[in-house]
């Protein structure tokens, strides 16, 4: 269906006629006796030629005016209505990038990698798979930052996650502030579709909010939080008297993570390696999407460039014809002399 966005502009179509009718009339000039007959005849012939082409000039000017008006009215072709079922969740990922994430206690094909690299591998695939969700990304260390607002652009969220670097947000861990920032971003979204997945490898050591207080705020706003404690239970490190085994996750506050998840109706997961982390995200992938109101839209195709092209082409031809006519008049005047 054809539609004009600014259809009121079409009422200006008769404006040139109105201007023609109200313009001052020319006063008839007194005829003069010209002693140069040949020159007078040449001028008369030129005037007759102008009289013959004058209707074409008016038609061209009128067409240019109407084409410009049509373009300004912004004609659009509206397609058939298309209904989009809005489903999925508003899901924020909060990823710890504090200093402890540089611990190389993960294994990838027999090679030791740090925790953040492992998260980028697994969580990146998780992001790509959440096709029906609006995703956002929070990075936190000593402070919490919204790296990507809620969006359907999974590719951008994935790129921003891959670009995250350890220590960008500070060396400590502000878990409560990360949850508080997520609450601020999710509370305006529809109920029963607000989810936060928080991944950390330590305990809350920084920030204005405690994790417990932040969990209470999330519960009040009906935000479900899934917490993931990440890091190996054991790794071998070289020492003065040989290799020794240590627990690189001894600072992980599992009790707090369980309490946060339980208070908001979520669940706590423990990931000790890449395989367990991948299994956790596959479990999260089975979250049932929440149906939201369907949206209907009509595809719009702009058409203004067609009348605009006509106006521009006719304007160019009119200018060229006017210049050519001026040159002919000058040549005829020279010939008459």
C-alpha atoms as a PDB file:
ATOM      1  CA  UNK A   1       0.000   0.000   0.000  1.00  0.00           C
ATOM      2  CA  UNK A   2       1.272   3.439  -0.943  1.00  0.00           C
ATOM      3  CA  UNK A   3       1.427   5.974   1.854  1.00  0.00           C
ATOM      4  CA  UNK A   4       2.796   9.512   2.174  1.00  0.00           C
ATOM      5  CA  UNK A   5       4.454  10.330   5.484  1.00  0.00           C
ATOM      6  CA  UNK A   6       3.897  14.092   5.037  1.00  0.00           C
ATOM      7  CA  UNK A   7       0.797  14.038   2.871  1.00  0.00           C
ATOM      8  CA  UNK A   8      -0.183  17.602   3.863  1.00  0.00           C
ATOM      9  CA  UNK A   9       2.599  18.891   1.615  1.00  0.00           C
ATOM     10  CA  UNK A  10       0.583  17.827  -1.423  1.00  0.00           C
ATOM     11  CA  UNK A  11      -1.858  20.653  -0.681  1.00  0.00           C
ATOM     12  CA  UNK A  12       0.880  23.004  -1.877  1.00  0.00           C
ATOM     13  CA  UNK A  13       0.592  21.693  -5.450  1.00  0.00           C
ATOM     14  CA  UNK A  14      -1.572  24.638  -6.724  1.00  0.00           C
ATOM     15  CA  UNK A  15       0.843  27.217  -5.251  1.00  0.00           C
ATOM     16  CA  UNK A  16       2.520  28.102  -8.599  1.00  0.00           C
ATOM     17  CA  UNK A  17      -0.906  28.774 -10.176  1.00  0.00           C
ATOM     18  CA  UNK A  18      -1.827  31.006  -7.282  1.00  0.00           C
ATOM     19  CA  UNK A  19       1.416  32.929  -7.665  1.00  0.00           C
ATOM     20  CA  UNK A  20       0.753  33.279 -11.428  1.00  0.00           C
ATOM     21  CA  UNK A  21      -2.718  34.705 -10.871  1.00  0.00           C
ATOM     22  CA  UNK A  22      -1.733  37.226  -8.204  1.00  0.00           C
ATOM     23  CA  UNK A  23       1.487  38.431  -9.844  1.00  0.00           C
ATOM     24  CA  UNK A  24       1.493  42.029 -11.155  1.00  0.00           C
ATOM     25  CA  UNK A  25       0.432  42.341 -14.795  1.00  0.00           C
ATOM     26  CA  UNK A  26       2.904  43.721 -17.320  1.00  0.00           C
ATOM     27  CA  UNK A  27       2.176  47.165 -18.717  1.00  0.00           C
ATOM     28  CA  UNK A  28       1.811  47.293 -22.487  1.00  0.00           C
ATOM     29  CA  UNK A  29       4.739  49.038 -24.038  1.00  0.00           C
ATOM     30  CA  UNK A  30       4.392  51.716 -26.710  1.00  0.00           C
ATOM     31  CA  UNK A  31       5.473  50.467 -30.121  1.00  0.00           C
ATOM     32  CA  UNK A  32       8.606  52.020 -31.534  1.00  0.00           C
ATOM     33  CA  UNK A  33       9.526  52.593 -35.132  1.00  0.00           C
ATOM     34  CA  UNK A  34      12.707  50.714 -35.825  1.00  0.00           C
ATOM     35  CA  UNK A  35      14.681  51.885 -38.841  1.00  0.00           C
ATOM     36  CA  UNK A  36      16.596  48.583 -38.946  1.00  0.00           C
ATOM     37  CA  UNK A  37      14.080  46.259 -40.566  1.00  0.00           C
ATOM     38  CA  UNK A  38      16.261  43.123 -40.754  1.00  0.00           C
ATOM     39  CA  UNK A  39      17.205  43.267 -37.116  1.00  0.00           C
ATOM     40  CA  UNK A  40      13.563  43.778 -36.145  1.00  0.00           C
ATOM     41  CA  UNK A  41      12.477  40.768 -38.191  1.00  0.00           C
ATOM     42  CA  UNK A  42      15.170  38.601 -36.547  1.00  0.00           C
ATOM     43  CA  UNK A  43      14.001  39.641 -33.117  1.00  0.00           C
ATOM     44  CA  UNK A  44      10.384  38.971 -34.080  1.00  0.00           C
ATOM     45  CA  UNK A  45      11.236  35.472 -35.266  1.00  0.00           C
ATOM     46  CA  UNK A  46      13.116  34.815 -32.036  1.00  0.00           C
ATOM     47  CA  UNK A  47      10.135  36.007 -30.023  1.00  0.00           C
ATOM     48  CA  UNK A  48       7.827  33.740 -32.011  1.00  0.00           C
ATOM     49  CA  UNK A  49      10.037  30.767 -31.307  1.00  0.00           C
ATOM     50  CA  UNK A  50       9.983  31.595 -27.587  1.00  0.00           C
ATOM     51  CA  UNK A  51       6.177  31.754 -27.722  1.00  0.00           C
ATOM     52  CA  UNK A  52       6.018  28.276 -29.262  1.00  0.00           C
ATOM     53  CA  UNK A  53       8.270  26.664 -26.645  1.00  0.00           C
ATOM     54  CA  UNK A  54       6.784  28.518 -23.685  1.00  0.00           C
ATOM     55  CA  UNK A  55       4.110  25.820 -22.969  1.00  0.00           C
ATOM     56  CA  UNK A  56       6.863  23.182 -22.830  1.00  0.00           C
ATOM     57  CA  UNK A  57       8.790  25.287 -20.329  1.00  0.00           C
ATOM     58  CA  UNK A  58       5.700  25.673 -18.167  1.00  0.00           C
ATOM     59  CA  UNK A  59       5.044  21.936 -18.345  1.00  0.00           C
ATOM     60  CA  UNK A  60       8.645  21.182 -17.336  1.00  0.00           C
ATOM     61  CA  UNK A  61       8.552  23.630 -14.433  1.00  0.00           C
ATOM     62  CA  UNK A  62       5.202  22.247 -13.288  1.00  0.00           C
ATOM     63  CA  UNK A  63       6.514  18.680 -13.412  1.00  0.00           C
ATOM     64  CA  UNK A  64       9.626  19.663 -11.431  1.00  0.00           C
ATOM     65  CA  UNK A  65       7.457  21.309  -8.785  1.00  0.00           C
ATOM     66  CA  UNK A  66       5.115  18.321  -8.434  1.00  0.00           C
ATOM     67  CA  UNK A  67       8.028  15.850  -8.345  1.00  0.00           C
ATOM     68  CA  UNK A  68       9.784  17.852  -5.623  1.00  0.00           C
ATOM     69  CA  UNK A  69       6.543  17.931  -3.588  1.00  0.00           C
ATOM     70  CA  UNK A  70       6.065  14.186  -3.965  1.00  0.00           C
ATOM     71  CA  UNK A  71       9.630  13.548  -2.814  1.00  0.00           C
ATOM     72  CA  UNK A  72       9.215  15.895   0.181  1.00  0.00           C
ATOM     73  CA  UNK A  73       5.978  14.103   1.149  1.00  0.00           C
ATOM     74  CA  UNK A  74       8.146  10.937   1.553  1.00  0.00           C
ATOM     75  CA  UNK A  75       6.165   8.255  -0.291  1.00  0.00           C
ATOM     76  CA  UNK A  76       6.518   4.777   1.205  1.00  0.00           C
ATOM     77  CA  UNK A  77       5.336   1.350   0.180  1.00  0.00           C
ATOM     78  CA  UNK A  78       3.964  -0.585   3.167  1.00  0.00           C
ATOM     79  CA  UNK A  79       4.179  -4.349   2.910  1.00  0.00           C
ATOM     80  CA  UNK A  80       1.844  -6.889   4.452  1.00  0.00           C
ATOM     81  CA  UNK A  81       1.802  -6.974   8.293  1.00  0.00           C
ATOM     82  CA  UNK A  82       4.347  -9.356   9.792  1.00  0.00           C
ATOM     83  CA  UNK A  83       3.911 -10.695  13.314  1.00  0.00           C
ATOM     84  CA  UNK A  84       6.961 -11.399  15.485  1.00  0.00           C
ATOM     85  CA  UNK A  85       6.479 -13.471  18.587  1.00  0.00           C
ATOM     86  CA  UNK A  86       8.552 -11.937  21.349  1.00  0.00           C
ATOM     87  CA  UNK A  87      10.016 -14.774  23.384  1.00  0.00           C
ATOM     88  CA  UNK A  88      13.053 -15.292  25.509  1.00  0.00           C
ATOM     89  CA  UNK A  89      14.612 -13.561  28.444  1.00  0.00           C
ATOM     90  CA  UNK A  90      16.504 -10.448  29.332  1.00  0.00           C
ATOM     91  CA  UNK A  91      19.738 -12.079  30.395  1.00  0.00           C
ATOM     92  CA  UNK A  92      22.748 -10.278  31.805  1.00  0.00           C
ATOM     93  CA  UNK A  93      26.128 -11.945  32.099  1.00  0.00           C
ATOM     94  CA  UNK A  94      28.347 -10.695  34.925  1.00  0.00           C
ATOM     95  CA  UNK A  95      31.937 -11.887  34.430  1.00  0.00           C
ATOM     96  CA  UNK A  96      34.724 -11.504  36.966  1.00  0.00           C
ATOM     97  CA  UNK A  97      37.903  -9.993  35.456  1.00  0.00           C
ATOM     98  CA  UNK A  98      39.760  -9.393  38.728  1.00  0.00           C
ATOM     99  CA  UNK A  99      43.423 -10.220  39.175  1.00  0.00           C
ATOM    100  CA  UNK A 100      42.805 -13.822  40.266  1.00  0.00           C
ATOM    101  CA  UNK A 101      41.393 -14.637  36.829  1.00  0.00           C
ATOM    102  CA  UNK A 102      44.944 -14.831  35.508  1.00  0.00           C
ATOM    103  CA  UNK A 103      45.606 -18.074  37.415  1.00  0.00           C
ATOM    104  CA  UNK A 104      46.474 -20.773  34.870  1.00  0.00           C
ATOM    105  CA  UNK A 105      44.612 -23.725  36.371  1.00  0.00           C
ATOM    106  CA  UNK A 106      42.580 -24.627  33.250  1.00  0.00           C
ATOM    107  CA  UNK A 107      43.645 -27.130  30.623  1.00  0.00           C
ATOM    108  CA  UNK A 108      42.952 -26.869  26.896  1.00  0.00           C
ATOM    109  CA  UNK A 109      44.328 -29.724  24.775  1.00  0.00           C
ATOM    110  CA  UNK A 110      47.046 -30.385  27.326  1.00  0.00           C
ATOM    111  CA  UNK A 111      48.042 -26.723  27.548  1.00  0.00           C
ATOM    112  CA  UNK A 112      47.580 -24.566  30.639  1.00  0.00           C
ATOM    113  CA  UNK A 113      45.429 -21.458  30.108  1.00  0.00           C
ATOM    114  CA  UNK A 114      44.177 -18.832  32.537  1.00  0.00           C
ATOM    115  CA  UNK A 115      40.624 -18.675  33.803  1.00  0.00           C
ATOM    116  CA  UNK A 116      39.516 -15.719  31.722  1.00  0.00           C
ATOM    117  CA  UNK A 117      40.651 -17.389  28.501  1.00  0.00           C
ATOM    118  CA  UNK A 118      38.632 -20.461  29.446  1.00  0.00           C
ATOM    119  CA  UNK A 119      35.579 -18.313  30.148  1.00  0.00           C
ATOM    120  CA  UNK A 120      35.892 -16.592  26.777  1.00  0.00           C
ATOM    121  CA  UNK A 121      35.876 -19.970  25.042  1.00  0.00           C
ATOM    122  CA  UNK A 122      32.849 -21.422  26.816  1.00  0.00           C
ATOM    123  CA  UNK A 123      30.756 -18.330  27.512  1.00  0.00           C
ATOM    124  CA  UNK A 124      31.333 -17.111  23.955  1.00  0.00           C
ATOM    125  CA  UNK A 125      29.586 -20.236  22.650  1.00  0.00           C
ATOM    126  CA  UNK A 126      26.830 -19.767  25.222  1.00  0.00           C
ATOM    127  CA  UNK A 127      26.234 -16.213  23.998  1.00  0.00           C
ATOM    128  CA  UNK A 128      25.948 -17.342  20.378  1.00  0.00           C
ATOM    129  CA  UNK A 129      23.370 -19.948  21.321  1.00  0.00           C
ATOM    130  CA  UNK A 130      20.930 -17.614  23.115  1.00  0.00           C
ATOM    131  CA  UNK A 131      19.114 -16.605  19.932  1.00  0.00           C
ATOM    132  CA  UNK A 132      15.796 -15.653  21.514  1.00  0.00           C
ATOM    133  CA  UNK A 133      17.217 -13.621  24.401  1.00  0.00           C
ATOM    134  CA  UNK A 134      18.312 -10.053  24.815  1.00  0.00           C
ATOM    135  CA  UNK A 135      21.820 -10.267  26.214  1.00  0.00           C
ATOM    136  CA  UNK A 136      23.969  -7.808  28.112  1.00  0.00           C
ATOM    137  CA  UNK A 137      27.449  -7.959  29.606  1.00  0.00           C
ATOM    138  CA  UNK A 138      28.767  -6.685  32.941  1.00  0.00           C
ATOM    139  CA  UNK A 139      32.476  -6.859  33.735  1.00  0.00           C
ATOM    140  CA  UNK A 140      33.569  -6.432  37.318  1.00  0.00           C
ATOM    141  CA  UNK A 141      36.709  -6.270  39.407  1.00  0.00           C
ATOM    142  CA  UNK A 142      37.119  -3.584  42.038  1.00  0.00           C
ATOM    143  CA  UNK A 143      34.272  -1.809  40.217  1.00  0.00           C
ATOM    144  CA  UNK A 144      31.445  -3.056  38.039  1.00  0.00           C
ATOM    145  CA  UNK A 145      30.886  -1.765  34.502  1.00  0.00           C
ATOM    146  CA  UNK A 146      28.136  -2.294  31.962  1.00  0.00           C
ATOM    147  CA  UNK A 147      30.159  -3.345  28.940  1.00  0.00           C
ATOM    148  CA  UNK A 148      27.165  -4.110  26.696  1.00  0.00           C
ATOM    149  CA  UNK A 149      23.534  -3.077  27.341  1.00  0.00           C
ATOM    150  CA  UNK A 150      20.716  -5.521  26.703  1.00  0.00           C
ATOM    151  CA  UNK A 151      20.560  -6.225  22.984  1.00  0.00           C
ATOM    152  CA  UNK A 152      19.672  -8.892  20.424  1.00  0.00           C
ATOM    153  CA  UNK A 153      23.082  -8.310  18.822  1.00  0.00           C
ATOM    154  CA  UNK A 154      24.788 -11.433  20.156  1.00  0.00           C
ATOM    155  CA  UNK A 155      27.805 -10.895  17.936  1.00  0.00           C
ATOM    156  CA  UNK A 156      28.654  -7.548  19.555  1.00  0.00           C
ATOM    157  CA  UNK A 157      28.228  -8.979  23.050  1.00  0.00           C
ATOM    158  CA  UNK A 158      30.560 -11.823  22.116  1.00  0.00           C
ATOM    159  CA  UNK A 159      33.169  -9.456  20.682  1.00  0.00           C
ATOM    160  CA  UNK A 160      33.109  -7.281  23.805  1.00  0.00           C
ATOM    161  CA  UNK A 161      33.570 -10.373  25.952  1.00  0.00           C
ATOM    162  CA  UNK A 162      36.564 -11.488  23.877  1.00  0.00           C
ATOM    163  CA  UNK A 163      38.117  -8.025  24.218  1.00  0.00           C
ATOM    164  CA  UNK A 164      37.908  -8.063  28.043  1.00  0.00           C
ATOM    165  CA  UNK A 165      41.268  -8.011  29.795  1.00  0.00           C
ATOM    166  CA  UNK A 166      42.246  -8.968  33.322  1.00  0.00           C
ATOM    167  CA  UNK A 167      42.590  -5.987  35.630  1.00  0.00           C
ATOM    168  CA  UNK A 168      40.647  -3.524  33.474  1.00  0.00           C
ATOM    169  CA  UNK A 169      38.160  -3.111  36.310  1.00  0.00           C
ATOM    170  CA  UNK A 170      40.669  -3.408  39.151  1.00  0.00           C
ATOM    171  CA  UNK A 171      42.334  -6.267  40.996  1.00  0.00           C
ATOM    172  CA  UNK A 172      39.690  -6.919  43.682  1.00  0.00           C
ATOM    173  CA  UNK A 173      36.173  -8.396  43.391  1.00  0.00           C
ATOM    174  CA  UNK A 174      32.987  -6.331  43.800  1.00  0.00           C
ATOM    175  CA  UNK A 175      30.345  -9.039  43.537  1.00  0.00           C
ATOM    176  CA  UNK A 176      27.645  -7.013  45.299  1.00  0.00           C
ATOM    177  CA  UNK A 177      28.136  -4.007  43.012  1.00  0.00           C
ATOM    178  CA  UNK A 178      27.915  -6.246  39.936  1.00  0.00           C
ATOM    179  CA  UNK A 179      24.581  -7.618  41.144  1.00  0.00           C
ATOM    180  CA  UNK A 180      23.372  -4.106  42.005  1.00  0.00           C
ATOM    181  CA  UNK A 181      24.228  -2.857  38.506  1.00  0.00           C
ATOM    182  CA  UNK A 182      22.348  -5.793  37.015  1.00  0.00           C
ATOM    183  CA  UNK A 183      19.300  -4.970  39.155  1.00  0.00           C
ATOM    184  CA  UNK A 184      19.395  -1.379  37.896  1.00  0.00           C
ATOM    185  CA  UNK A 185      19.427  -2.559  34.269  1.00  0.00           C
ATOM    186  CA  UNK A 186      16.870  -5.343  34.587  1.00  0.00           C
ATOM    187  CA  UNK A 187      14.197  -3.864  36.850  1.00  0.00           C
ATOM    188  CA  UNK A 188      12.469  -2.023  33.980  1.00  0.00           C
ATOM    189  CA  UNK A 189      12.135  -5.214  31.929  1.00  0.00           C
ATOM    190  CA  UNK A 190       9.015  -7.461  31.947  1.00  0.00           C
ATOM    191  CA  UNK A 191       8.495  -9.640  35.000  1.00  0.00           C
ATOM    192  CA  UNK A 192       9.514 -13.302  34.890  1.00  0.00           C
ATOM    193  CA  UNK A 193      12.064 -12.647  32.154  1.00  0.00           C
ATOM    194  CA  UNK A 194      14.895 -11.134  34.202  1.00  0.00           C
ATOM    195  CA  UNK A 195      17.946 -13.343  34.609  1.00  0.00           C
ATOM    196  CA  UNK A 196      21.485 -12.708  35.796  1.00  0.00           C
ATOM    197  CA  UNK A 197      24.274 -15.257  35.338  1.00  0.00           C
ATOM    198  CA  UNK A 198      27.183 -14.295  37.587  1.00  0.00           C
ATOM    199  CA  UNK A 199      30.556 -15.981  37.238  1.00  0.00           C
ATOM    200  CA  UNK A 200      33.354 -15.446  39.755  1.00  0.00           C
ATOM    201  CA  UNK A 201      36.367 -17.236  41.149  1.00  0.00           C
ATOM    202  CA  UNK A 202      36.650 -15.552  44.532  1.00  0.00           C
ATOM    203  CA  UNK A 203      34.944 -13.753  47.383  1.00  0.00           C
ATOM    204  CA  UNK A 204      33.561 -10.220  47.547  1.00  0.00           C
ATOM    205  CA  UNK A 205      36.445  -7.974  48.597  1.00  0.00           C
ATOM    206  CA  UNK A 206      35.334  -4.588  47.264  1.00  0.00           C
ATOM    207  CA  UNK A 207      32.307  -2.458  46.459  1.00  0.00           C
ATOM    208  CA  UNK A 208      29.549  -0.515  48.171  1.00  0.00           C
ATOM    209  CA  UNK A 209      27.016  -3.363  48.315  1.00  0.00           C
ATOM    210  CA  UNK A 210      27.429  -6.700  49.977  1.00  0.00           C
ATOM    211  CA  UNK A 211      26.323  -9.729  47.916  1.00  0.00           C
ATOM    212  CA  UNK A 212      23.572 -10.463  50.453  1.00  0.00           C
ATOM    213  CA  UNK A 213      22.136  -6.935  50.267  1.00  0.00           C
ATOM    214  CA  UNK A 214      22.352  -6.989  46.468  1.00  0.00           C
ATOM    215  CA  UNK A 215      20.557 -10.358  46.411  1.00  0.00           C
ATOM    216  CA  UNK A 216      17.724  -8.866  48.494  1.00  0.00           C
ATOM    217  CA  UNK A 217      17.353  -6.057  45.924  1.00  0.00           C
ATOM    218  CA  UNK A 218      17.305  -8.609  43.115  1.00  0.00           C
ATOM    219  CA  UNK A 219      14.658 -10.672  44.886  1.00  0.00           C
ATOM    220  CA  UNK A 220      12.503  -7.575  45.358  1.00  0.00           C
ATOM    221  CA  UNK A 221      12.717  -6.883  41.603  1.00  0.00           C
ATOM    222  CA  UNK A 222      11.958 -10.517  40.731  1.00  0.00           C
ATOM    223  CA  UNK A 223      15.392 -11.106  39.186  1.00  0.00           C
ATOM    224  CA  UNK A 224      16.643 -14.671  39.166  1.00  0.00           C
ATOM    225  CA  UNK A 225      20.388 -15.098  39.711  1.00  0.00           C
ATOM    226  CA  UNK A 226      22.433 -18.120  38.672  1.00  0.00           C
ATOM    227  CA  UNK A 227      25.886 -18.099  40.239  1.00  0.00           C
ATOM    228  CA  UNK A 228      28.917 -20.012  38.982  1.00  0.00           C
ATOM    229  CA  UNK A 229      31.995 -20.607  41.100  1.00  0.00           C
ATOM    230  CA  UNK A 230      34.909 -21.103  38.732  1.00  0.00           C
ATOM    231  CA  UNK A 231      38.395 -22.500  39.333  1.00  0.00           C
ATOM    232  CA  UNK A 232      40.186 -25.787  39.847  1.00  0.00           C
ATOM    233  CA  UNK A 233      40.371 -27.467  43.247  1.00  0.00           C
ATOM    234  CA  UNK A 234      43.953 -28.530  42.696  1.00  0.00           C
ATOM    235  CA  UNK A 235      46.974 -27.524  40.669  1.00  0.00           C
ATOM    236  CA  UNK A 236      50.672 -28.329  40.748  1.00  0.00           C
ATOM    237  CA  UNK A 237      53.144 -25.479  41.216  1.00  0.00           C
ATOM    238  CA  UNK A 238      56.929 -25.623  41.344  1.00  0.00           C
ATOM    239  CA  UNK A 239      58.627 -24.934  44.685  1.00  0.00           C
ATOM    240  CA  UNK A 240      62.071 -24.837  46.259  1.00  0.00           C
ATOM    241  CA  UNK A 241      61.831 -28.484  47.344  1.00  0.00           C
ATOM    242  CA  UNK A 242      60.039 -29.706  44.215  1.00  0.00           C
ATOM    243  CA  UNK A 243      56.496 -29.531  42.934  1.00  0.00           C
ATOM    244  CA  UNK A 244      53.638 -29.134  45.370  1.00  0.00           C
ATOM    245  CA  UNK A 245      49.880 -29.236  45.107  1.00  0.00           C
ATOM    246  CA  UNK A 246      47.754 -26.286  46.127  1.00  0.00           C
ATOM    247  CA  UNK A 247      44.086 -25.328  46.006  1.00  0.00           C
ATOM    248  CA  UNK A 248      43.856 -22.252  43.734  1.00  0.00           C
ATOM    249  CA  UNK A 249      40.175 -21.794  44.630  1.00  0.00           C
ATOM    250  CA  UNK A 250      40.553 -21.581  48.391  1.00  0.00           C
ATOM    251  CA  UNK A 251      39.272 -17.961  48.297  1.00  0.00           C
ATOM    252  CA  UNK A 252      36.054 -18.929  46.519  1.00  0.00           C
ATOM    253  CA  UNK A 253      33.110 -18.056  48.773  1.00  0.00           C
ATOM    254  CA  UNK A 254      30.736 -20.859  47.826  1.00  0.00           C
ATOM    255  CA  UNK A 255      28.428 -20.278  50.785  1.00  0.00           C
ATOM    256  CA  UNK A 256      27.709 -16.713  49.685  1.00  0.00           C
ATOM    257  CA  UNK A 257      27.199 -17.787  46.077  1.00  0.00           C
ATOM    258  CA  UNK A 258      24.708 -20.452  47.158  1.00  0.00           C
ATOM    259  CA  UNK A 259      22.865 -17.949  49.368  1.00  0.00           C
ATOM    260  CA  UNK A 260      22.601 -15.391  46.554  1.00  0.00           C
ATOM    261  CA  UNK A 261      21.227 -17.974  44.117  1.00  0.00           C
ATOM    262  CA  UNK A 262      18.828 -19.475  46.661  1.00  0.00           C
ATOM    263  CA  UNK A 263      17.448 -16.089  47.723  1.00  0.00           C
ATOM    264  CA  UNK A 264      16.483 -15.187  44.145  1.00  0.00           C
ATOM    265  CA  UNK A 265      15.148 -18.564  43.015  1.00  0.00           C
ATOM    266  CA  UNK A 266      18.257 -19.395  41.008  1.00  0.00           C
ATOM    267  CA  UNK A 267      20.888 -22.086  41.384  1.00  0.00           C
ATOM    268  CA  UNK A 268      24.571 -22.323  42.242  1.00  0.00           C
ATOM    269  CA  UNK A 269      26.955 -24.246  39.998  1.00  0.00           C
ATOM    270  CA  UNK A 270      30.556 -25.276  40.557  1.00  0.00           C
ATOM    271  CA  UNK A 271      32.885 -25.414  37.542  1.00  0.00           C
ATOM    272  CA  UNK A 272      36.345 -26.881  38.129  1.00  0.00           C
ATOM    273  CA  UNK A 273      37.345 -27.197  34.491  1.00  0.00           C
ATOM    274  CA  UNK A 274      36.251 -26.408  30.953  1.00  0.00           C
ATOM    275  CA  UNK A 275      34.064 -29.487  30.689  1.00  0.00           C
ATOM    276  CA  UNK A 276      32.088 -28.658  33.820  1.00  0.00           C
ATOM    277  CA  UNK A 277      31.714 -25.037  32.763  1.00  0.00           C
ATOM    278  CA  UNK A 278      30.401 -26.145  29.376  1.00  0.00           C
ATOM    279  CA  UNK A 279      27.945 -28.543  31.031  1.00  0.00           C
ATOM    280  CA  UNK A 280      26.672 -25.710  33.247  1.00  0.00           C
ATOM    281  CA  UNK A 281      25.982 -23.477  30.276  1.00  0.00           C
ATOM    282  CA  UNK A 282      24.200 -26.302  28.507  1.00  0.00           C
ATOM    283  CA  UNK A 283      22.037 -26.599  31.601  1.00  0.00           C
ATOM    284  CA  UNK A 284      21.370 -22.849  31.484  1.00  0.00           C
ATOM    285  CA  UNK A 285      20.476 -23.219  27.819  1.00  0.00           C
ATOM    286  CA  UNK A 286      17.484 -25.273  28.884  1.00  0.00           C
ATOM    287  CA  UNK A 287      15.903 -22.304  30.644  1.00  0.00           C
ATOM    288  CA  UNK A 288      12.348 -22.073  29.388  1.00  0.00           C
ATOM    289  CA  UNK A 289      11.794 -18.850  27.418  1.00  0.00           C
ATOM    290  CA  UNK A 290       9.036 -16.592  28.713  1.00  0.00           C
ATOM    291  CA  UNK A 291       6.476 -15.545  26.127  1.00  0.00           C
ATOM    292  CA  UNK A 292       6.070 -11.805  25.814  1.00  0.00           C
ATOM    293  CA  UNK A 293       3.596  -9.772  23.800  1.00  0.00           C
ATOM    294  CA  UNK A 294       3.855 -10.382  20.076  1.00  0.00           C
ATOM    295  CA  UNK A 295       4.797  -7.432  17.918  1.00  0.00           C
ATOM    296  CA  UNK A 296       3.447  -6.627  14.484  1.00  0.00           C
ATOM    297  CA  UNK A 297       5.232  -4.491  11.965  1.00  0.00           C
ATOM    298  CA  UNK A 298       4.881  -3.680   8.295  1.00  0.00           C
ATOM    299  CA  UNK A 299       8.041  -3.600   6.181  1.00  0.00           C
ATOM    300  CA  UNK A 300       8.545  -0.131   4.724  1.00  0.00           C
ATOM    301  CA  UNK A 301      10.250   0.631   1.413  1.00  0.00           C
ATOM    302  CA  UNK A 302      11.119   4.260   0.742  1.00  0.00           C
ATOM    303  CA  UNK A 303      10.134   5.618  -2.692  1.00  0.00           C
ATOM    304  CA  UNK A 304      11.058   9.293  -2.393  1.00  0.00           C
ATOM    305  CA  UNK A 305      14.124   8.895  -4.614  1.00  0.00           C
ATOM    306  CA  UNK A 306      11.968   8.248  -7.721  1.00  0.00           C
ATOM    307  CA  UNK A 307      10.183  11.636  -7.835  1.00  0.00           C
ATOM    308  CA  UNK A 308      13.346  13.299  -6.572  1.00  0.00           C
ATOM    309  CA  UNK A 309      15.295  11.812  -9.473  1.00  0.00           C
ATOM    310  CA  UNK A 310      12.669  13.105 -11.923  1.00  0.00           C
ATOM    311  CA  UNK A 311      12.912  16.601 -10.419  1.00  0.00           C
ATOM    312  CA  UNK A 312      16.703  16.606 -10.579  1.00  0.00           C
ATOM    313  CA  UNK A 313      16.880  15.322 -14.172  1.00  0.00           C
ATOM    314  CA  UNK A 314      14.265  17.794 -15.435  1.00  0.00           C
ATOM    315  CA  UNK A 315      15.989  20.633 -13.572  1.00  0.00           C
ATOM    316  CA  UNK A 316      19.275  19.750 -15.283  1.00  0.00           C
ATOM    317  CA  UNK A 317      17.642  19.538 -18.718  1.00  0.00           C
ATOM    318  CA  UNK A 318      15.841  22.826 -18.136  1.00  0.00           C
ATOM    319  CA  UNK A 319      19.098  24.549 -17.158  1.00  0.00           C
ATOM    320  CA  UNK A 320      20.881  23.169 -20.226  1.00  0.00           C
ATOM    321  CA  UNK A 321      18.040  24.236 -22.521  1.00  0.00           C
ATOM    322  CA  UNK A 322      18.038  27.715 -21.005  1.00  0.00           C
ATOM    323  CA  UNK A 323      21.788  28.033 -21.507  1.00  0.00           C
ATOM    324  CA  UNK A 324      21.484  26.776 -25.111  1.00  0.00           C
ATOM    325  CA  UNK A 325      18.676  29.224 -25.824  1.00  0.00           C
ATOM    326  CA  UNK A 326      20.736  32.104 -24.439  1.00  0.00           C
ATOM    327  CA  UNK A 327      23.602  31.183 -26.736  1.00  0.00           C
ATOM    328  CA  UNK A 328      21.278  31.039 -29.764  1.00  0.00           C
ATOM    329  CA  UNK A 329      19.847  34.451 -28.930  1.00  0.00           C
ATOM    330  CA  UNK A 330      23.290  35.913 -28.707  1.00  0.00           C
ATOM    331  CA  UNK A 331      24.281  34.375 -32.057  1.00  0.00           C
ATOM    332  CA  UNK A 332      21.115  35.634 -33.766  1.00  0.00           C
ATOM    333  CA  UNK A 333      21.727  39.137 -32.447  1.00  0.00           C
ATOM    334  CA  UNK A 334      25.251  39.096 -33.821  1.00  0.00           C
ATOM    335  CA  UNK A 335      23.994  37.855 -37.194  1.00  0.00           C
ATOM    336  CA  UNK A 336      21.312  40.599 -37.365  1.00  0.00           C
ATOM    337  CA  UNK A 337      23.974  43.255 -36.838  1.00  0.00           C
END
